[in-house]
């Protein structure tokens, strides 16, 4: 399965990765590669927990247009 991931650097230089289609699924790493590896592991764990609890695995995401 493929999931969209948002990745950005924080003010301390750490890479933060978030999966917007799984609420609360966030990870980080000192490099971009490690942050992406860590979010992969976090996604797997989040999906397992959500399945065990009978929760929907993901939530709907969409894009909206904003004019300036």
Protein backbone atom coordinates (compact mmCIF):
# COMPACT_ATOMS: atom_id res chain seq x y z
CA UNK A 1 0.00 0.00 0.00
CA UNK A 2 1.12 3.55 -0.66
CA UNK A 3 0.34 6.47 1.61
CA UNK A 4 0.96 10.19 1.15
CA UNK A 5 3.59 11.52 3.56
CA UNK A 6 4.40 15.10 4.47
CA UNK A 7 8.04 15.71 5.34
CA UNK A 8 9.59 18.91 6.65
CA UNK A 9 12.46 20.10 8.82
CA UNK A 10 11.86 21.63 12.22
CA UNK A 11 13.76 24.54 13.75
CA UNK A 12 16.35 22.15 15.25
CA UNK A 13 17.09 20.51 11.90
CA UNK A 14 15.22 17.26 12.62
CA UNK A 15 13.14 15.83 9.79
CA UNK A 16 9.47 15.37 10.71
CA UNK A 17 7.32 12.96 8.71
CA UNK A 18 3.53 12.71 8.97
CA UNK A 19 0.95 10.52 7.28
CA UNK A 20 -2.15 12.73 6.97
CA UNK A 21 -4.48 9.84 6.12
CA UNK A 22 -3.77 8.17 9.51
CA UNK A 23 -4.55 10.53 12.41
CA UNK A 24 -1.65 10.86 14.84
CA UNK A 25 0.83 8.99 12.65
CA UNK A 26 3.97 11.09 12.99
CA UNK A 27 7.66 10.26 13.22
CA UNK A 28 11.02 11.94 12.87
CA UNK A 29 14.67 11.36 12.06
CA UNK A 30 17.97 13.15 11.98
CA UNK A 31 18.09 12.68 8.20
CA UNK A 32 15.39 12.65 5.56
CA UNK A 33 16.06 8.97 4.85
CA UNK A 34 15.77 7.99 8.52
CA UNK A 35 12.56 10.01 8.91
CA UNK A 36 11.07 8.17 5.92
CA UNK A 37 12.19 4.79 7.31
CA UNK A 38 10.68 5.70 10.68
CA UNK A 39 7.34 6.82 9.21
CA UNK A 40 7.09 3.53 7.32
CA UNK A 41 7.41 1.68 10.63
CA UNK A 42 4.95 4.08 12.29
CA UNK A 43 2.39 3.56 9.52
CA UNK A 44 2.58 -0.23 9.95
CA UNK A 45 2.11 0.05 13.71
CA UNK A 46 -0.73 2.56 13.43
CA UNK A 47 -2.56 0.32 10.96
CA UNK A 48 -2.15 -2.68 13.30
CA UNK A 49 -3.50 -0.77 16.30
CA UNK A 50 -6.41 0.70 14.36
CA UNK A 51 -7.33 -2.77 13.03
CA UNK A 52 -7.15 -4.30 16.52
CA UNK A 53 -9.46 -1.60 17.87
CA UNK A 54 -11.93 -1.91 15.00
CA UNK A 55 -11.23 1.63 13.83
CA UNK A 56 -11.18 2.65 10.18
CA UNK A 57 -7.64 2.22 8.91
CA UNK A 58 -7.49 5.63 7.27
CA UNK A 59 -9.48 8.82 7.03
CA UNK A 60 -10.41 10.58 3.83
CA UNK A 61 -8.07 13.29 2.62
CA UNK A 62 -8.56 15.68 -0.26
CA UNK A 63 -7.06 18.78 -1.77
CA UNK A 64 -8.74 22.15 -1.81
CA UNK A 65 -7.89 25.17 -3.90
CA UNK A 66 -7.18 28.43 -2.13
CA UNK A 67 -6.88 31.65 -4.07
CA UNK A 68 -4.65 34.41 -2.77
